[in-house]
Protein backbone atom coordinates (compact mmCIF):
# COMPACT_ATOMS: atom_id res chain seq x y z
CA MET A 1 103.57 74.88 109.23
CA SER A 2 102.40 71.74 107.57
CA GLU A 3 103.68 71.56 104.00
CA GLY A 4 100.44 69.95 102.74
CA ARG A 5 98.11 72.74 103.83
CA LEU A 6 97.76 75.86 101.70
CA VAL A 7 96.16 77.94 104.46
CA VAL A 8 96.35 78.20 108.24
CA SER A 9 93.80 79.63 110.61
CA VAL A 10 94.38 83.08 112.03
CA SER A 11 94.88 81.45 115.44
CA GLU A 12 97.57 79.16 114.00
CA ALA A 13 99.25 82.13 112.30
CA ALA A 14 99.22 83.98 115.63
CA GLU A 15 100.91 81.04 117.33
CA LEU A 16 103.55 80.82 114.59
CA LEU A 17 104.22 84.56 114.84
CA GLY A 18 104.27 84.58 118.64
CA ILE A 19 101.47 87.13 118.92
CA SER A 20 98.07 87.01 120.57
CA ARG A 21 95.06 85.64 118.73
CA GLY A 22 93.33 89.00 119.14
CA LEU A 23 96.22 90.92 117.61
CA ALA A 24 96.33 88.49 114.69
CA TYR A 25 92.60 88.95 113.96
CA GLU A 26 92.92 92.73 114.34
CA SER A 27 95.91 92.76 111.96
CA ALA A 28 94.09 90.56 109.44
CA ARG A 29 91.01 92.79 109.48
CA ALA A 30 93.19 95.90 109.07
CA GLY A 31 94.95 94.35 106.06
CA GLN A 32 98.31 94.18 107.82
CA LEU A 33 98.37 90.37 107.97
CA PRO A 34 97.64 88.65 104.63
CA SER A 35 94.31 86.87 104.89
CA LEU A 36 91.22 85.93 102.95
CA ARG A 37 87.70 84.92 103.78
CA LEU A 38 86.54 81.43 102.81
CA GLY A 39 82.86 81.35 103.61
CA ARG A 40 82.67 82.32 107.26
CA ARG A 41 86.32 81.51 107.97
CA LEU A 42 89.17 83.98 107.89
CA VAL A 43 92.34 82.16 106.86
CA VAL A 44 95.96 83.05 106.15
CA PRO A 45 97.48 81.66 102.94
CA ARG A 46 100.76 79.96 103.85
CA ALA A 47 102.64 81.31 100.81
CA ALA A 48 101.42 84.87 101.44
CA LEU A 49 102.45 84.66 105.09
CA LEU A 50 105.96 83.51 104.16
CA THR A 51 106.29 86.22 101.48
CA TRP A 52 105.02 88.83 103.95
CA LEU A 53 107.57 87.71 106.54
CA GLU A 54 110.41 87.75 104.01
CA GLY A 55 109.47 91.32 103.06
CA ALA A 56 109.31 92.35 106.70
CA ALA A 57 112.79 90.93 107.26
CA ARG A 58 114.34 93.40 104.80
CA PRO A 59 115.99 96.39 106.51
CA GLU A 60 114.27 98.86 104.16
CA SER A 61 110.89 97.73 105.52
CA TRP A 62 111.82 98.40 109.16
CA ARG A 63 110.18 101.41 110.75
CA GLY A 64 112.48 104.33 111.36
CA ARG A 65 115.04 103.14 108.80
CA LYS A 66 115.71 104.85 105.50
């Protein structure tokens, strides 16, 4: 991710995460992927994406783990 940009497109976030564009949009609309609407664009704040990933990397957040 470019350090100068505060947001990335949902498509760019999908590429960074290694998921399909469709899954990224679906996840953003469902509130699973941090995103916000700027006018007609749906974007992913870079800081929120990194924080979300760091939280997902903790064992207590893994499904099936206690």
